[in-house]
Amino acid sequence: MHAVIYHNAQCGTSRNTLALIRHAGIEPQVIDYLRDPPSRERLLELIAGAGLSVREAIRQNGTPYLDLGLDDPGLSDEALLDAMLRTPILINRPFVQTDQGIRLCRPSEAVLDLLPPLTAPFVKEDGEVVIDRRGGRVR
């Protein structure tokens, strides 16, 4: 299975998502979206594929979201996309695409919907159990 993750190594959710993909035996294409942001077309594809609006795909915490006035409900999708492409930290993360679809993997367990079933235990870096010893998904 081919997988692509738009990744920020400084983000725990992104690191856990990447670890889950690798735990499934898949070595994904890892794109550091802060260094290599997606094109406008690709960003729109990711957002639409994940079933989100442009506004839902913007990251607010830890970004200049408020400083840039992006909380203005009158801003168009085009203006929001322009801001995301100019300032990639505004792109929420991690977006993952596999043969099964596209998701914004927040929380990181959302990636399980895009992967083959996992049977081996998996624990997030903060100690939260995602897959138990019996191979069951913990909710």
C-alpha atoms as a PDB file:
ATOM      1  CA  MET A   1       0.000   0.000   0.000  1.00  0.00           C
ATOM      2  CA  HIS A   2       1.230   3.467  -0.871  1.00  0.00           C
ATOM      3  CA  ALA A   3       0.851   6.196   1.754  1.00  0.00           C
ATOM      4  CA  VAL A   4       1.701   9.895   1.895  1.00  0.00           C
ATOM      5  CA  ILE A   5       1.812  11.940   5.090  1.00  0.00           C
ATOM      6  CA  TYR A   6       2.072  15.719   5.285  1.00  0.00           C
ATOM      7  CA  HIS A   7       4.167  15.760   8.421  1.00  0.00           C
ATOM      8  CA  ASN A   8       5.542  18.111  11.047  1.00  0.00           C
ATOM      9  CA  ALA A   9       8.121  16.333  13.196  1.00  0.00           C
ATOM     10  CA  GLN A  10       7.540  18.876  15.988  1.00  0.00           C
ATOM     11  CA  CYS A  11       3.894  17.756  16.346  1.00  0.00           C
ATOM     12  CA  GLY A  12       3.090  14.799  18.610  1.00  0.00           C
ATOM     13  CA  THR A  13      -0.073  13.967  16.680  1.00  0.00           C
ATOM     14  CA  SER A  14       1.902  13.879  13.457  1.00  0.00           C
ATOM     15  CA  ARG A  15       4.636  11.718  15.008  1.00  0.00           C
ATOM     16  CA  ASN A  16       2.053   9.264  16.391  1.00  0.00           C
ATOM     17  CA  THR A  17       0.298   9.103  13.023  1.00  0.00           C
ATOM     18  CA  LEU A  18       3.575   8.366  11.259  1.00  0.00           C
ATOM     19  CA  ALA A  19       4.386   5.695  13.855  1.00  0.00           C
ATOM     20  CA  LEU A  20       0.984   4.030  13.294  1.00  0.00           C
ATOM     21  CA  ILE A  21       1.551   3.944   9.540  1.00  0.00           C
ATOM     22  CA  ARG A  22       4.960   2.353  10.048  1.00  0.00           C
ATOM     23  CA  HIS A  23       3.477  -0.032  12.621  1.00  0.00           C
ATOM     24  CA  ALA A  24       1.223  -1.265   9.810  1.00  0.00           C
ATOM     25  CA  GLY A  25       4.367  -2.170   7.853  1.00  0.00           C
ATOM     26  CA  ILE A  26       4.088   0.753   5.444  1.00  0.00           C
ATOM     27  CA  GLU A  27       6.941   3.153   4.787  1.00  0.00           C
ATOM     28  CA  PRO A  28       5.105   6.278   3.654  1.00  0.00           C
ATOM     29  CA  GLN A  29       6.267   9.152   1.554  1.00  0.00           C
ATOM     30  CA  VAL A  30       6.903  11.766   4.253  1.00  0.00           C
ATOM     31  CA  ILE A  31       6.440  15.355   3.149  1.00  0.00           C
ATOM     32  CA  ASP A  32       7.656  18.071   5.488  1.00  0.00           C
ATOM     33  CA  TYR A  33       4.875  20.440   4.535  1.00  0.00           C
ATOM     34  CA  LEU A  34       6.514  23.390   6.322  1.00  0.00           C
ATOM     35  CA  ARG A  35       9.542  23.098   4.048  1.00  0.00           C
ATOM     36  CA  ASP A  36       7.703  21.783   0.971  1.00  0.00           C
ATOM     37  CA  PRO A  37       4.109  22.990   1.132  1.00  0.00           C
ATOM     38  CA  PRO A  38       1.590  21.458  -1.249  1.00  0.00           C
ATOM     39  CA  SER A  39       0.467  23.346  -4.329  1.00  0.00           C
ATOM     40  CA  ARG A  40      -2.903  25.093  -4.185  1.00  0.00           C
ATOM     41  CA  GLU A  41      -4.392  22.282  -6.270  1.00  0.00           C
ATOM     42  CA  ARG A  42      -2.957  19.566  -4.022  1.00  0.00           C
ATOM     43  CA  LEU A  43      -4.082  21.369  -0.863  1.00  0.00           C
ATOM     44  CA  LEU A  44      -7.602  21.629  -2.260  1.00  0.00           C
ATOM     45  CA  GLU A  45      -7.482  17.916  -3.145  1.00  0.00           C
ATOM     46  CA  LEU A  46      -6.439  17.013   0.414  1.00  0.00           C
ATOM     47  CA  ILE A  47      -9.115  19.209   1.979  1.00  0.00           C
ATOM     48  CA  ALA A  48     -11.903  17.948  -0.289  1.00  0.00           C
ATOM     49  CA  GLY A  49     -10.759  14.323  -0.011  1.00  0.00           C
ATOM     50  CA  ALA A  50     -10.889  14.576   3.770  1.00  0.00           C
ATOM     51  CA  GLY A  51     -14.415  15.980   3.565  1.00  0.00           C
ATOM     52  CA  LEU A  52     -13.454  19.292   5.140  1.00  0.00           C
ATOM     53  CA  SER A  53     -14.131  22.912   4.379  1.00  0.00           C
ATOM     54  CA  VAL A  54     -11.139  25.167   3.824  1.00  0.00           C
ATOM     55  CA  ARG A  55     -11.804  26.817   7.187  1.00  0.00           C
ATOM     56  CA  GLU A  56     -11.846  23.401   8.939  1.00  0.00           C
ATOM     57  CA  ALA A  57      -8.399  22.680   7.482  1.00  0.00           C
ATOM     58  CA  ILE A  58      -6.793  25.742   9.081  1.00  0.00           C
ATOM     59  CA  ARG A  59      -4.768  25.290  12.233  1.00  0.00           C
ATOM     60  CA  GLN A  60      -5.445  27.977  14.818  1.00  0.00           C
ATOM     61  CA  ASN A  61      -3.359  26.987  17.853  1.00  0.00           C
ATOM     62  CA  GLY A  62       0.310  27.914  17.774  1.00  0.00           C
ATOM     63  CA  THR A  63      -0.053  29.862  14.531  1.00  0.00           C
ATOM     64  CA  PRO A  64      -0.533  33.506  13.494  1.00  0.00           C
ATOM     65  CA  TYR A  65      -4.212  32.742  12.774  1.00  0.00           C
ATOM     66  CA  LEU A  66      -5.594  35.569  14.910  1.00  0.00           C
ATOM     67  CA  ASP A  67      -2.765  38.004  14.102  1.00  0.00           C
ATOM     68  CA  LEU A  68      -3.594  37.606  10.411  1.00  0.00           C
ATOM     69  CA  GLY A  69      -7.294  38.214  11.016  1.00  0.00           C
ATOM     70  CA  LEU A  70      -8.236  34.778   9.710  1.00  0.00           C
ATOM     71  CA  ASP A  71     -11.044  34.507  12.242  1.00  0.00           C
ATOM     72  CA  ASP A  72     -13.025  36.958  10.069  1.00  0.00           C
ATOM     73  CA  PRO A  73     -16.036  34.887   8.911  1.00  0.00           C
ATOM     74  CA  GLY A  74     -16.279  37.045   5.789  1.00  0.00           C
ATOM     75  CA  LEU A  75     -12.977  35.805   4.354  1.00  0.00           C
ATOM     76  CA  SER A  76     -13.351  33.726   1.213  1.00  0.00           C
ATOM     77  CA  ASP A  77     -11.905  30.262   0.752  1.00  0.00           C
ATOM     78  CA  GLU A  78      -9.465  31.804  -1.725  1.00  0.00           C
ATOM     79  CA  ALA A  79      -8.186  34.252   0.903  1.00  0.00           C
ATOM     80  CA  LEU A  80      -7.845  31.450   3.444  1.00  0.00           C
ATOM     81  CA  LEU A  81      -5.978  29.253   0.949  1.00  0.00           C
ATOM     82  CA  ASP A  82      -3.667  32.159   0.096  1.00  0.00           C
ATOM     83  CA  ALA A  83      -2.830  32.524   3.799  1.00  0.00           C
ATOM     84  CA  MET A  84      -2.242  28.782   4.213  1.00  0.00           C
ATOM     85  CA  LEU A  85       0.107  28.672   1.246  1.00  0.00           C
ATOM     86  CA  ARG A  86       1.987  31.803   2.339  1.00  0.00           C
ATOM     87  CA  THR A  87       2.242  30.558   5.931  1.00  0.00           C
ATOM     88  CA  PRO A  88       2.194  26.717   5.841  1.00  0.00           C
ATOM     89  CA  ILE A  89       2.042  26.376   9.642  1.00  0.00           C
ATOM     90  CA  LEU A  90      -1.623  27.329   9.135  1.00  0.00           C
ATOM     91  CA  ILE A  91      -2.251  24.011   7.346  1.00  0.00           C
ATOM     92  CA  ASN A  92      -3.654  21.604   9.885  1.00  0.00           C
ATOM     93  CA  ARG A  93      -1.802  18.329  10.189  1.00  0.00           C
ATOM     94  CA  PRO A  94      -1.237  15.589   9.516  1.00  0.00           C
ATOM     95  CA  PHE A  95      -3.029  14.917   6.261  1.00  0.00           C
ATOM     96  CA  VAL A  96      -2.590  11.296   5.160  1.00  0.00           C
ATOM     97  CA  GLN A  97      -3.499   9.683   1.859  1.00  0.00           C
ATOM     98  CA  THR A  98      -3.506   5.950   1.170  1.00  0.00           C
ATOM     99  CA  ASP A  99      -5.310   3.712  -1.308  1.00  0.00           C
ATOM    100  CA  GLN A 100      -8.227   3.880   1.165  1.00  0.00           C
ATOM    101  CA  GLY A 101      -8.674   7.661   0.991  1.00  0.00           C
ATOM    102  CA  ILE A 102      -7.589  10.927   2.584  1.00  0.00           C
ATOM    103  CA  ARG A 103      -7.959  12.023   6.202  1.00  0.00           C
ATOM    104  CA  LEU A 104      -6.858  14.821   8.466  1.00  0.00           C
ATOM    105  CA  CYS A 105      -5.572  12.536  11.205  1.00  0.00           C
ATOM    106  CA  ARG A 106      -6.564  14.431  14.323  1.00  0.00           C
ATOM    107  CA  PRO A 107      -6.567  12.468  16.512  1.00  0.00           C
ATOM    108  CA  SER A 108      -3.801  10.254  15.211  1.00  0.00           C
ATOM    109  CA  GLU A 109      -6.018   7.147  15.478  1.00  0.00           C
ATOM    110  CA  ALA A 110      -8.024   8.472  12.512  1.00  0.00           C
ATOM    111  CA  VAL A 111      -5.272   7.026  10.325  1.00  0.00           C
ATOM    112  CA  LEU A 112      -6.462   3.518  11.262  1.00  0.00           C
ATOM    113  CA  ASP A 113      -9.378   4.008   8.857  1.00  0.00           C
ATOM    114  CA  LEU A 114      -6.822   4.270   6.035  1.00  0.00           C
ATOM    115  CA  LEU A 115      -4.663   1.263   6.978  1.00  0.00           C
ATOM    116  CA  PRO A 116      -4.978  -2.512   6.892  1.00  0.00           C
ATOM    117  CA  PRO A 117      -6.102  -3.929  10.266  1.00  0.00           C
ATOM    118  CA  LEU A 118      -3.392  -3.850  12.926  1.00  0.00           C
ATOM    119  CA  THR A 119      -3.016  -6.826  15.229  1.00  0.00           C
ATOM    120  CA  ALA A 120       0.107  -5.961  17.236  1.00  0.00           C
ATOM    121  CA  PRO A 121      -0.200  -3.640  20.250  1.00  0.00           C
ATOM    122  CA  PHE A 122       0.494   0.055  19.751  1.00  0.00           C
ATOM    123  CA  VAL A 123       0.974   2.759  22.359  1.00  0.00           C
ATOM    124  CA  LYS A 124       1.292   6.471  21.598  1.00  0.00           C
ATOM    125  CA  GLU A 125       4.351   8.340  22.788  1.00  0.00           C
ATOM    126  CA  ASP A 126       2.330   9.726  25.731  1.00  0.00           C
ATOM    127  CA  GLY A 127       1.459   6.177  26.875  1.00  0.00           C
ATOM    128  CA  GLU A 128      -2.116   6.063  25.526  1.00  0.00           C
ATOM    129  CA  VAL A 129      -2.979   2.574  24.244  1.00  0.00           C
ATOM    130  CA  VAL A 130      -4.390   2.573  20.703  1.00  0.00           C
ATOM    131  CA  ILE A 131      -4.192  -1.156  19.880  1.00  0.00           C
ATOM    132  CA  ASP A 132      -4.331  -3.497  22.873  1.00  0.00           C
ATOM    133  CA  ARG A 133      -2.454  -6.781  23.423  1.00  0.00           C
ATOM    134  CA  ARG A 134      -5.260  -8.739  21.759  1.00  0.00           C
ATOM    135  CA  GLY A 135      -5.046  -6.545  18.648  1.00  0.00           C
ATOM    136  CA  GLY A 136      -8.232  -4.680  19.481  1.00  0.00           C
ATOM    137  CA  ARG A 137      -8.653  -1.025  18.749  1.00  0.00           C
ATOM    138  CA  VAL A 138      -9.111   0.954  21.966  1.00  0.00           C
ATOM    139  CA  ARG A 139     -11.550   3.860  21.755  1.00  0.00           C
END
